[in-house]
Amino acid sequence: MCYNYFNTAAGGRGGVMQSNNSILIFSQQGETLDKLCLSANEYGFGKITVSDGANADALFEAAPSLVLINAPLENEFGLDLAVTASNHGFGVI
């Protein structure tokens, strides 16, 4: 599945395809994550990084084009992560 190639939570390094657009997905493992990764790829995101919420500050420093939080996460609901994203200058809906 998609996250096997791009999952930083599983020790991966992320993957770069043909686009300069990047997406950072915070999500639990599973079928929904697979679908999110495939959709991001279809929409042209060249770099897809997946995390379970760990190391969020370091991942935000990479300045992805889009941050998606698929709440709830394994160890938190995701609200604190949304506040952290906002503190890094990302818009939150």
Protein backbone atom coordinates (compact mmCIF):
# COMPACT_ATOMS: atom_id res chain seq x y z
CA MET A 1 0.00 0.00 0.00
CA CYS A 2 0.95 3.63 -0.38
CA TYR A 3 2.19 4.19 3.16
CA ASN A 4 4.74 1.40 2.84
CA TYR A 5 6.70 3.64 0.48
CA PHE A 6 6.25 7.01 2.13
CA ASN A 7 5.65 6.36 5.83
CA THR A 8 8.06 8.27 8.07
CA ALA A 9 6.43 6.75 11.15
CA ALA A 10 7.59 3.33 9.96
CA GLY A 11 11.15 4.52 9.40
CA GLY A 12 10.73 5.46 5.74
CA ARG A 13 12.26 8.61 4.30
CA GLY A 14 9.37 9.86 2.20
CA GLY A 15 9.18 9.56 -1.54
CA VAL A 16 9.62 12.04 -4.36
CA MET A 17 7.78 11.64 -7.63
CA GLN A 18 7.41 14.19 -10.41
CA SER A 19 5.74 17.11 -8.68
CA ASN A 20 7.09 19.84 -6.39
CA ASN A 21 3.87 19.81 -4.37
CA SER A 22 4.08 17.97 -1.08
CA ILE A 23 1.50 16.76 1.40
CA LEU A 24 1.92 15.83 5.02
CA ILE A 25 -0.74 13.37 6.22
CA PHE A 26 -1.27 12.68 9.90
CA SER A 27 -3.31 9.51 10.25
CA GLN A 28 -3.61 6.09 11.81
CA GLN A 29 -2.57 3.13 9.69
CA GLY A 30 -5.33 1.41 7.74
CA GLU A 31 -7.52 1.44 4.69
CA THR A 32 -8.43 5.12 5.02
CA LEU A 33 -4.75 6.08 5.00
CA ASP A 34 -4.20 3.97 1.90
CA LYS A 35 -7.03 5.81 0.15
CA LEU A 36 -5.72 9.21 1.26
CA CYS A 37 -2.26 8.40 -0.12
CA LEU A 38 -3.63 7.17 -3.41
CA SER A 39 -5.84 10.25 -3.74
CA ALA A 40 -2.92 12.57 -2.95
CA ASN A 41 -0.88 10.82 -5.63
CA GLU A 42 -3.73 11.13 -8.16
CA TYR A 43 -4.05 14.85 -7.38
CA GLY A 44 -0.38 15.35 -8.23
CA PHE A 45 1.36 15.52 -4.89
CA GLY A 46 4.91 14.42 -5.62
CA LYS A 47 6.07 13.99 -2.06
CA ILE A 48 3.77 12.24 0.36
CA THR A 49 4.85 12.09 3.99
CA VAL A 50 2.81 10.13 6.53
CA SER A 51 3.05 10.36 10.31
CA ASP A 52 1.06 9.22 13.30
CA GLY A 53 1.64 12.63 14.91
CA ALA A 54 5.16 11.98 16.17
CA ASN A 55 7.85 14.53 15.30
CA ALA A 56 5.24 17.01 14.07
CA ASP A 57 7.42 20.09 14.62
CA ALA A 58 10.25 18.66 12.51
CA LEU A 59 7.82 17.62 9.77
CA PHE A 60 6.22 21.09 9.69
CA GLU A 61 9.68 22.63 9.18
CA ALA A 62 9.81 20.93 5.76
CA ALA A 63 7.01 23.37 4.74
CA PRO A 64 4.65 20.99 2.93
CA SER A 65 2.14 22.44 0.48
CA LEU A 66 -0.75 20.88 2.40
CA VAL A 67 -1.21 19.35 5.84
CA LEU A 68 -4.05 16.87 6.33
CA ILE A 69 -5.00 15.63 9.80
CA ASN A 70 -7.20 12.54 9.68
CA ALA A 71 -8.48 12.62 13.28
CA PRO A 72 -8.59 10.88 15.61
CA LEU A 73 -4.98 9.80 15.69
CA GLU A 74 -3.69 6.80 17.60
CA ASN A 75 -2.34 8.74 20.60
CA GLU A 76 -4.38 11.95 20.43
CA PHE A 77 -7.53 13.36 18.91
CA GLY A 78 -5.68 15.79 16.64
CA LEU A 79 -6.74 19.13 18.10
CA ASP A 80 -3.30 19.81 19.63
CA LEU A 81 -1.75 18.91 16.28
CA ALA A 82 -4.05 21.40 14.51
CA VAL A 83 -2.98 24.12 16.96
CA THR A 84 0.67 23.25 16.31
CA ALA A 85 0.03 23.44 12.55
CA SER A 86 -1.55 26.87 13.03
CA ASN A 87 1.45 28.01 15.09
CA HIS A 88 3.67 27.02 12.15
CA GLY A 89 1.63 29.25 9.82
CA PHE A 90 -0.67 26.67 8.23
CA GLY A 91 -4.33 27.48 7.80
CA VAL A 92 -6.67 25.18 9.71
CA ILE A 93 -10.22 24.32 8.70
